[in-house]
PDB file of N, CA and C in Angstrom:
ATOM      1  N   UNK A   1     -18.275 -32.707 -28.068  1.00  0.00           N
ATOM      2  CA  UNK A   1     -17.555 -33.844 -27.651  1.00  0.00           C
ATOM      3  C   UNK A   1     -17.766 -35.170 -28.213  1.00  0.00           C
ATOM      4  N   UNK A   2     -17.394 -35.989 -28.727  1.00  0.00           N
ATOM      5  CA  UNK A   2     -17.666 -37.507 -29.356  1.00  0.00           C
ATOM      6  C   UNK A   2     -16.789 -38.296 -28.255  1.00  0.00           C
ATOM      7  N   UNK A   3     -17.230 -39.800 -28.667  1.00  0.00           N
ATOM      8  CA  UNK A   3     -16.988 -40.704 -27.692  1.00  0.00           C
ATOM      9  C   UNK A   3     -15.368 -40.708 -27.839  1.00  0.00           C
ATOM     10  N   UNK A   4     -14.526 -40.484 -29.131  1.00  0.00           N
ATOM     11  CA  UNK A   4     -13.118 -40.435 -29.431  1.00  0.00           C
ATOM     12  C   UNK A   4     -12.408 -39.597 -28.528  1.00  0.00           C
ATOM     13  N   UNK A   5     -13.517 -38.298 -28.274  1.00  0.00           N
ATOM     14  CA  UNK A   5     -12.909 -37.224 -27.506  1.00  0.00           C
ATOM     15  C   UNK A   5     -11.984 -37.190 -26.029  1.00  0.00           C
ATOM     16  N   UNK A   6     -10.840 -37.103 -26.248  1.00  0.00           N
ATOM     17  CA  UNK A   6     -10.005 -37.367 -25.099  1.00  0.00           C
ATOM     18  C   UNK A   6     -10.995 -36.452 -23.623  1.00  0.00           C
ATOM     19  N   UNK A   7     -11.119 -37.029 -22.536  1.00  0.00           N
ATOM     20  CA  UNK A   7     -11.431 -36.093 -21.352  1.00  0.00           C
ATOM     21  C   UNK A   7     -10.644 -36.525 -20.417  1.00  0.00           C
ATOM     22  N   UNK A   8     -10.732 -35.339 -19.690  1.00  0.00           N
ATOM     23  CA  UNK A   8      -9.930 -34.986 -18.499  1.00  0.00           C
ATOM     24  C   UNK A   8     -10.050 -36.015 -17.311  1.00  0.00           C
ATOM     25  N   UNK A   9      -8.896 -36.566 -16.787  1.00  0.00           N
ATOM     26  CA  UNK A   9      -8.496 -37.457 -15.673  1.00  0.00           C
ATOM     27  C   UNK A   9      -9.029 -37.299 -14.221  1.00  0.00           C
ATOM     28  N   UNK A  10      -9.383 -35.701 -14.144  1.00  0.00           N
ATOM     29  CA  UNK A  10      -9.645 -35.285 -12.982  1.00  0.00           C
ATOM     30  C   UNK A  10     -11.240 -36.054 -12.549  1.00  0.00           C
ATOM     31  N   UNK A  11     -11.380 -36.475 -11.385  1.00  0.00           N
ATOM     32  CA  UNK A  11     -12.169 -37.540 -10.772  1.00  0.00           C
ATOM     33  C   UNK A  11     -13.840 -36.596 -11.221  1.00  0.00           C
ATOM     34  N   UNK A  12     -14.575 -37.615 -11.814  1.00  0.00           N
ATOM     35  CA  UNK A  12     -15.608 -36.324 -12.238  1.00  0.00           C
ATOM     36  C   UNK A  12     -15.900 -35.500 -13.342  1.00  0.00           C
ATOM     37  N   UNK A  13     -14.836 -35.154 -13.883  1.00  0.00           N
ATOM     38  CA  UNK A  13     -14.668 -34.279 -15.019  1.00  0.00           C
ATOM     39  C   UNK A  13     -14.747 -34.662 -16.279  1.00  0.00           C
ATOM     40  N   UNK A  14     -15.907 -34.534 -16.857  1.00  0.00           N
ATOM     41  CA  UNK A  14     -15.907 -34.359 -18.594  1.00  0.00           C
ATOM     42  C   UNK A  14     -15.867 -33.813 -19.475  1.00  0.00           C
ATOM     43  N   UNK A  15     -14.996 -33.058 -19.262  1.00  0.00           N
ATOM     44  CA  UNK A  15     -14.344 -31.778 -19.893  1.00  0.00           C
ATOM     45  C   UNK A  15     -13.802 -32.348 -20.950  1.00  0.00           C
ATOM     46  N   UNK A  16     -13.511 -31.867 -22.174  1.00  0.00           N
ATOM     47  CA  UNK A  16     -12.274 -32.174 -23.140  1.00  0.00           C
ATOM     48  C   UNK A  16     -10.835 -32.000 -22.331  1.00  0.00           C
ATOM     49  N   UNK A  17      -9.962 -32.919 -22.712  1.00  0.00           N
ATOM     50  CA  UNK A  17      -8.571 -32.948 -22.171  1.00  0.00           C
ATOM     51  C   UNK A  17      -7.927 -31.643 -23.174  1.00  0.00           C
ATOM     52  N   UNK A  18      -6.813 -30.926 -22.786  1.00  0.00           N
ATOM     53  CA  UNK A  18      -6.358 -30.213 -23.732  1.00  0.00           C
ATOM     54  C   UNK A  18      -4.875 -29.901 -22.999  1.00  0.00           C
ATOM     55  N   UNK A  19      -4.414 -31.017 -22.034  1.00  0.00           N
ATOM     56  CA  UNK A  19      -2.899 -31.188 -21.482  1.00  0.00           C
ATOM     57  C   UNK A  19      -2.860 -32.773 -21.223  1.00  0.00           C
ATOM     58  N   UNK A  20      -1.366 -32.869 -21.421  1.00  0.00           N
ATOM     59  CA  UNK A  20      -0.727 -34.178 -21.086  1.00  0.00           C
ATOM     60  C   UNK A  20      -0.086 -33.854 -20.078  1.00  0.00           C
ATOM     61  N   UNK A  21      -0.238 -35.008 -18.724  1.00  0.00           N
ATOM     62  CA  UNK A  21       0.588 -34.880 -17.870  1.00  0.00           C
ATOM     63  C   UNK A  21       1.543 -36.192 -17.576  1.00  0.00           C
ATOM     64  N   UNK A  22       2.418 -35.808 -18.164  1.00  0.00           N
ATOM     65  CA  UNK A  22       3.701 -37.268 -17.988  1.00  0.00           C
ATOM     66  C   UNK A  22       3.951 -37.346 -16.598  1.00  0.00           C
ATOM     67  N   UNK A  23       4.210 -38.512 -16.184  1.00  0.00           N
ATOM     68  CA  UNK A  23       4.758 -38.982 -14.834  1.00  0.00           C
ATOM     69  C   UNK A  23       4.921 -40.074 -14.697  1.00  0.00           C
ATOM     70  N   UNK A  24       6.101 -40.546 -13.423  1.00  0.00           N
ATOM     71  CA  UNK A  24       6.362 -41.554 -13.154  1.00  0.00           C
ATOM     72  C   UNK A  24       6.484 -41.903 -11.727  1.00  0.00           C
ATOM     73  N   UNK A  25       6.213 -43.010 -11.307  1.00  0.00           N
ATOM     74  CA  UNK A  25       6.789 -43.257  -9.919  1.00  0.00           C
ATOM     75  C   UNK A  25       7.584 -44.167  -9.678  1.00  0.00           C
ATOM     76  N   UNK A  26       8.992 -43.745  -9.407  1.00  0.00           N
ATOM     77  CA  UNK A  26      10.376 -44.256  -9.569  1.00  0.00           C
ATOM     78  C   UNK A  26      10.744 -45.046  -8.728  1.00  0.00           C
ATOM     79  N   UNK A  27       9.689 -45.225  -7.352  1.00  0.00           N
ATOM     80  CA  UNK A  27       9.540 -46.994  -6.783  1.00  0.00           C
ATOM     81  C   UNK A  27       9.014 -47.985  -7.381  1.00  0.00           C
ATOM     82  N   UNK A  28       8.108 -47.729  -8.982  1.00  0.00           N
ATOM     83  CA  UNK A  28       7.672 -48.822  -9.580  1.00  0.00           C
ATOM     84  C   UNK A  28       8.111 -48.587 -10.910  1.00  0.00           C
ATOM     85  N   UNK A  29       8.262 -47.518 -11.339  1.00  0.00           N
ATOM     86  CA  UNK A  29       8.602 -47.722 -12.738  1.00  0.00           C
ATOM     87  C   UNK A  29      10.106 -47.387 -12.967  1.00  0.00           C
ATOM     88  N   UNK A  30      10.579 -47.906 -14.427  1.00  0.00           N
ATOM     89  CA  UNK A  30      11.675 -47.281 -15.302  1.00  0.00           C
ATOM     90  C   UNK A  30      12.344 -45.924 -15.152  1.00  0.00           C
ATOM     91  N   UNK A  31      13.040 -45.383 -14.901  1.00  0.00           N
ATOM     92  CA  UNK A  31      13.090 -43.924 -15.283  1.00  0.00           C
ATOM     93  C   UNK A  31      12.573 -43.365 -16.597  1.00  0.00           C
ATOM     94  N   UNK A  32      12.506 -44.019 -17.913  1.00  0.00           N
ATOM     95  CA  UNK A  32      12.267 -43.629 -19.059  1.00  0.00           C
ATOM     96  C   UNK A  32      10.857 -43.980 -19.283  1.00  0.00           C
ATOM     97  N   UNK A  33      10.013 -44.881 -18.452  1.00  0.00           N
ATOM     98  CA  UNK A  33       8.600 -45.152 -18.650  1.00  0.00           C
ATOM     99  C   UNK A  33       7.845 -43.992 -18.159  1.00  0.00           C
ATOM    100  N   UNK A  34       6.852 -43.583 -18.649  1.00  0.00           N
ATOM    101  CA  UNK A  34       6.032 -42.106 -18.792  1.00  0.00           C
ATOM    102  C   UNK A  34       4.881 -42.894 -18.514  1.00  0.00           C
ATOM    103  N   UNK A  35       3.716 -42.586 -17.883  1.00  0.00           N
ATOM    104  CA  UNK A  35       2.465 -42.719 -17.274  1.00  0.00           C
ATOM    105  C   UNK A  35       1.927 -41.304 -17.763  1.00  0.00           C
ATOM    106  N   UNK A  36       0.272 -41.487 -17.882  1.00  0.00           N
ATOM    107  CA  UNK A  36      -0.001 -40.148 -18.440  1.00  0.00           C
ATOM    108  C   UNK A  36      -1.615 -40.294 -17.578  1.00  0.00           C
ATOM    109  N   UNK A  37      -1.572 -38.623 -17.511  1.00  0.00           N
ATOM    110  CA  UNK A  37      -2.847 -38.269 -17.279  1.00  0.00           C
ATOM    111  C   UNK A  37      -3.508 -37.170 -17.991  1.00  0.00           C
ATOM    112  N   UNK A  38      -4.976 -36.695 -18.456  1.00  0.00           N
ATOM    113  CA  UNK A  38      -5.092 -35.905 -19.048  1.00  0.00           C
ATOM    114  C   UNK A  38      -5.681 -35.224 -18.404  1.00  0.00           C
ATOM    115  N   UNK A  39      -5.635 -33.952 -18.703  1.00  0.00           N
ATOM    116  CA  UNK A  39      -6.350 -32.619 -17.699  1.00  0.00           C
ATOM    117  C   UNK A  39      -6.992 -31.432 -18.749  1.00  0.00           C
ATOM    118  N   UNK A  40      -7.822 -30.957 -18.191  1.00  0.00           N
ATOM    119  CA  UNK A  40      -8.682 -29.495 -18.917  1.00  0.00           C
ATOM    120  C   UNK A  40      -8.293 -28.366 -18.178  1.00  0.00           C
ATOM    121  N   UNK A  41      -8.578 -27.279 -19.039  1.00  0.00           N
ATOM    122  CA  UNK A  41      -7.846 -26.140 -18.752  1.00  0.00           C
ATOM    123  C   UNK A  41      -7.744 -25.951 -16.891  1.00  0.00           C
ATOM    124  N   UNK A  42      -9.083 -26.455 -16.591  1.00  0.00           N
ATOM    125  CA  UNK A  42      -9.528 -26.254 -14.774  1.00  0.00           C
ATOM    126  C   UNK A  42      -8.811 -26.909 -14.187  1.00  0.00           C
ATOM    127  N   UNK A  43      -8.286 -27.942 -14.811  1.00  0.00           N
ATOM    128  CA  UNK A  43      -7.728 -28.804 -13.779  1.00  0.00           C
ATOM    129  C   UNK A  43      -6.061 -29.539 -13.892  1.00  0.00           C
ATOM    130  N   UNK A  44      -5.660 -28.591 -14.905  1.00  0.00           N
ATOM    131  CA  UNK A  44      -4.457 -28.707 -14.869  1.00  0.00           C
ATOM    132  C   UNK A  44      -3.441 -28.627 -13.758  1.00  0.00           C
ATOM    133  N   UNK A  45      -3.808 -27.373 -13.224  1.00  0.00           N
ATOM    134  CA  UNK A  45      -2.992 -27.031 -11.772  1.00  0.00           C
ATOM    135  C   UNK A  45      -3.249 -27.916 -10.900  1.00  0.00           C
ATOM    136  N   UNK A  46      -4.016 -28.254 -10.535  1.00  0.00           N
ATOM    137  CA  UNK A  46      -4.459 -29.289  -9.576  1.00  0.00           C
ATOM    138  C   UNK A  46      -4.072 -30.540  -9.622  1.00  0.00           C
ATOM    139  N   UNK A  47      -4.096 -31.203 -10.567  1.00  0.00           N
ATOM    140  CA  UNK A  47      -3.383 -32.552 -11.349  1.00  0.00           C
ATOM    141  C   UNK A  47      -1.821 -32.503 -11.190  1.00  0.00           C
ATOM    142  N   UNK A  48      -1.143 -31.752 -11.447  1.00  0.00           N
ATOM    143  CA  UNK A  48       0.163 -30.785 -11.687  1.00  0.00           C
ATOM    144  C   UNK A  48       0.581 -31.071 -10.015  1.00  0.00           C
ATOM    145  N   UNK A  49       0.250 -30.320  -9.240  1.00  0.00           N
ATOM    146  CA  UNK A  49       0.413 -30.146  -8.162  1.00  0.00           C
ATOM    147  C   UNK A  49       0.387 -31.304  -7.429  1.00  0.00           C
ATOM    148  N   UNK A  50      -0.835 -32.518  -7.434  1.00  0.00           N
ATOM    149  CA  UNK A  50      -0.825 -33.841  -6.936  1.00  0.00           C
ATOM    150  C   UNK A  50       0.501 -34.598  -7.083  1.00  0.00           C
ATOM    151  N   UNK A  51       0.412 -34.373  -8.702  1.00  0.00           N
ATOM    152  CA  UNK A  51       1.747 -35.272  -8.764  1.00  0.00           C
ATOM    153  C   UNK A  51       3.051 -34.853  -8.488  1.00  0.00           C
ATOM    154  N   UNK A  52       3.592 -33.699  -8.663  1.00  0.00           N
ATOM    155  CA  UNK A  52       4.770 -32.915  -8.473  1.00  0.00           C
ATOM    156  C   UNK A  52       4.884 -32.986  -6.827  1.00  0.00           C
ATOM    157  N   UNK A  53       3.864 -32.994  -5.744  1.00  0.00           N
ATOM    158  CA  UNK A  53       4.114 -33.055  -4.517  1.00  0.00           C
ATOM    159  C   UNK A  53       5.054 -34.441  -4.107  1.00  0.00           C
ATOM    160  N   UNK A  54       4.551 -35.177  -4.970  1.00  0.00           N
ATOM    161  CA  UNK A  54       4.749 -36.664  -4.831  1.00  0.00           C
ATOM    162  C   UNK A  54       6.110 -37.039  -5.375  1.00  0.00           C
ATOM    163  N   UNK A  55       6.728 -36.379  -6.243  1.00  0.00           N
ATOM    164  CA  UNK A  55       7.915 -36.082  -6.971  1.00  0.00           C
ATOM    165  C   UNK A  55       7.635 -36.935  -8.459  1.00  0.00           C
ATOM    166  N   UNK A  56       6.343 -37.027  -8.787  1.00  0.00           N
ATOM    167  CA  UNK A  56       6.111 -38.018  -9.658  1.00  0.00           C
ATOM    168  C   UNK A  56       6.019 -37.319 -11.228  1.00  0.00           C
ATOM    169  N   UNK A  57       6.096 -36.065 -11.322  1.00  0.00           N
ATOM    170  CA  UNK A  57       5.226 -35.363 -12.328  1.00  0.00           C
ATOM    171  C   UNK A  57       6.955 -34.948 -13.409  1.00  0.00           C
ATOM    172  N   UNK A  58       6.946 -35.219 -14.298  1.00  0.00           N
ATOM    173  CA  UNK A  58       8.131 -35.200 -15.468  1.00  0.00           C
ATOM    174  C   UNK A  58       7.945 -34.029 -16.335  1.00  0.00           C
ATOM    175  N   UNK A  59       6.507 -34.286 -16.832  1.00  0.00           N
ATOM    176  CA  UNK A  59       6.309 -32.620 -18.069  1.00  0.00           C
ATOM    177  C   UNK A  59       4.958 -32.679 -18.168  1.00  0.00           C
ATOM    178  N   UNK A  60       4.777 -31.630 -18.632  1.00  0.00           N
ATOM    179  CA  UNK A  60       3.451 -30.990 -18.903  1.00  0.00           C
ATOM    180  C   UNK A  60       3.321 -30.440 -19.927  1.00  0.00           C
ATOM    181  N   UNK A  61       2.335 -31.299 -21.026  1.00  0.00           N
ATOM    182  CA  UNK A  61       2.493 -30.844 -22.545  1.00  0.00           C
ATOM    183  C   UNK A  61       1.115 -30.696 -23.257  1.00  0.00           C
ATOM    184  N   UNK A  62       0.800 -29.570 -24.264  1.00  0.00           N
ATOM    185  CA  UNK A  62      -0.269 -29.908 -24.659  1.00  0.00           C
ATOM    186  C   UNK A  62      -1.049 -31.017 -25.187  1.00  0.00           C
ATOM    187  N   UNK A  63      -1.922 -31.398 -25.347  1.00  0.00           N
ATOM    188  CA  UNK A  63      -2.380 -32.591 -25.907  1.00  0.00           C
ATOM    189  C   UNK A  63      -2.003 -32.598 -27.621  1.00  0.00           C
ATOM    190  N   UNK A  64      -2.316 -31.905 -28.184  1.00  0.00           N
ATOM    191  CA  UNK A  64      -2.044 -31.493 -29.370  1.00  0.00           C
ATOM    192  C   UNK A  64      -0.787 -31.819 -29.649  1.00  0.00           C
ATOM    193  N   UNK A  65       0.440 -31.360 -29.008  1.00  0.00           N
ATOM    194  CA  UNK A  65       1.842 -31.518 -28.979  1.00  0.00           C
ATOM    195  C   UNK A  65       2.036 -33.150 -28.701  1.00  0.00           C
ATOM    196  N   UNK A  66       1.831 -33.647 -27.991  1.00  0.00           N
ATOM    197  CA  UNK A  66       1.966 -35.218 -27.506  1.00  0.00           C
ATOM    198  C   UNK A  66       1.436 -36.090 -28.650  1.00  0.00           C
ATOM    199  N   UNK A  67       0.128 -35.679 -29.256  1.00  0.00           N
ATOM    200  CA  UNK A  67       0.028 -36.503 -29.983  1.00  0.00           C
ATOM    201  C   UNK A  67       0.689 -36.368 -31.280  1.00  0.00           C
ATOM    202  N   UNK A  68       0.836 -35.121 -32.056  1.00  0.00           N
ATOM    203  CA  UNK A  68       2.081 -35.136 -32.755  1.00  0.00           C
ATOM    204  C   UNK A  68       3.034 -35.857 -32.692  1.00  0.00           C
ATOM    205  N   UNK A  69       3.390 -35.844 -31.362  1.00  0.00           N
ATOM    206  CA  UNK A  69       4.934 -35.991 -31.311  1.00  0.00           C
ATOM    207  C   UNK A  69       5.003 -37.635 -31.445  1.00  0.00           C
ATOM    208  N   UNK A  70       4.160 -38.447 -30.501  1.00  0.00           N
ATOM    209  CA  UNK A  70       3.544 -39.870 -30.553  1.00  0.00           C
ATOM    210  C   UNK A  70       3.444 -40.414 -32.327  1.00  0.00           C
ATOM    211  N   UNK A  71       2.871 -39.527 -33.050  1.00  0.00           N
ATOM    212  CA  UNK A  71       2.722 -39.944 -34.561  1.00  0.00           C
ATOM    213  C   UNK A  71       3.730 -40.068 -35.234  1.00  0.00           C
ATOM    214  N   UNK A  72       4.986 -39.082 -35.129  1.00  0.00           N
ATOM    215  CA  UNK A  72       5.680 -38.715 -35.496  1.00  0.00           C
ATOM    216  C   UNK A  72       6.825 -40.186 -35.264  1.00  0.00           C
ATOM    217  N   UNK A  73       6.987 -40.584 -34.078  1.00  0.00           N
ATOM    218  CA  UNK A  73       7.709 -41.578 -33.547  1.00  0.00           C
ATOM    219  C   UNK A  73       7.215 -42.587 -34.473  1.00  0.00           C
ATOM    220  N   UNK A  74       5.911 -42.893 -34.256  1.00  0.00           N
ATOM    221  CA  UNK A  74       5.134 -44.111 -34.747  1.00  0.00           C
ATOM    222  C   UNK A  74       5.180 -44.091 -36.569  1.00  0.00           C
ATOM    223  N   UNK A  75       5.243 -42.854 -37.198  1.00  0.00           N
ATOM    224  CA  UNK A  75       5.172 -42.962 -38.396  1.00  0.00           C
ATOM    225  C   UNK A  75       3.512 -42.854 -38.859  1.00  0.00           C
ATOM    226  N   UNK A  76       2.803 -42.493 -38.184  1.00  0.00           N
ATOM    227  CA  UNK A  76       1.462 -41.906 -38.478  1.00  0.00           C
ATOM    228  C   UNK A  76       1.039 -40.659 -38.513  1.00  0.00           C
ATOM    229  N   UNK A  77       0.037 -40.455 -39.010  1.00  0.00           N
ATOM    230  CA  UNK A  77      -0.846 -38.939 -39.193  1.00  0.00           C
ATOM    231  C   UNK A  77      -1.619 -38.667 -37.817  1.00  0.00           C
ATOM    232  N   UNK A  78      -1.399 -37.844 -37.017  1.00  0.00           N
ATOM    233  CA  UNK A  78      -2.224 -37.473 -35.727  1.00  0.00           C
ATOM    234  C   UNK A  78      -3.651 -37.314 -36.285  1.00  0.00           C
ATOM    235  N   UNK A  79      -4.642 -37.590 -35.139  1.00  0.00           N
ATOM    236  CA  UNK A  79      -6.217 -37.329 -35.578  1.00  0.00           C
ATOM    237  C   UNK A  79      -6.027 -35.437 -36.075  1.00  0.00           C
ATOM    238  N   UNK A  80      -6.976 -35.183 -37.061  1.00  0.00           N
ATOM    239  CA  UNK A  80      -7.342 -34.221 -37.504  1.00  0.00           C
ATOM    240  C   UNK A  80      -6.232 -33.109 -38.400  1.00  0.00           C
ATOM    241  N   UNK A  81      -5.140 -33.572 -38.445  1.00  0.00           N
ATOM    242  CA  UNK A  81      -4.033 -33.722 -39.285  1.00  0.00           C
ATOM    243  C   UNK A  81      -4.180 -34.032 -41.105  1.00  0.00           C
ATOM    244  N   UNK A  82      -3.550 -33.555 -41.770  1.00  0.00           N
ATOM    245  CA  UNK A  82      -3.503 -33.681 -43.187  1.00  0.00           C
ATOM    246  C   UNK A  82      -2.566 -34.767 -43.550  1.00  0.00           C
ATOM    247  N   UNK A  83      -2.109 -35.768 -44.375  1.00  0.00           N
ATOM    248  CA  UNK A  83      -1.129 -36.596 -44.323  1.00  0.00           C
ATOM    249  C   UNK A  83      -0.480 -35.559 -45.383  1.00  0.00           C
ATOM    250  N   UNK A  84       1.008 -35.799 -44.973  1.00  0.00           N
ATOM    251  CA  UNK A  84       2.149 -34.802 -45.614  1.00  0.00           C
ATOM    252  C   UNK A  84       2.100 -35.571 -47.151  1.00  0.00           C
TER     253      UNK A  84
END
């Protein structure tokens, strides 16, 4: 793991993130706004349940898919991918 490796958002966890949990609080954020938490395999379900019970969870996506989609929107190459 490097300093640039995304890590899990669970308290005290230093594992590499695998999942992106996209969420928003409808009392605070506009409907299109998405906040993100990162999760390792071990904490994905727990963090998803925490957000889901509150009605905040909008989507759970593999980190690799999330970064590829962001890069496509931004017109950049995601980390670890070769430019076209």
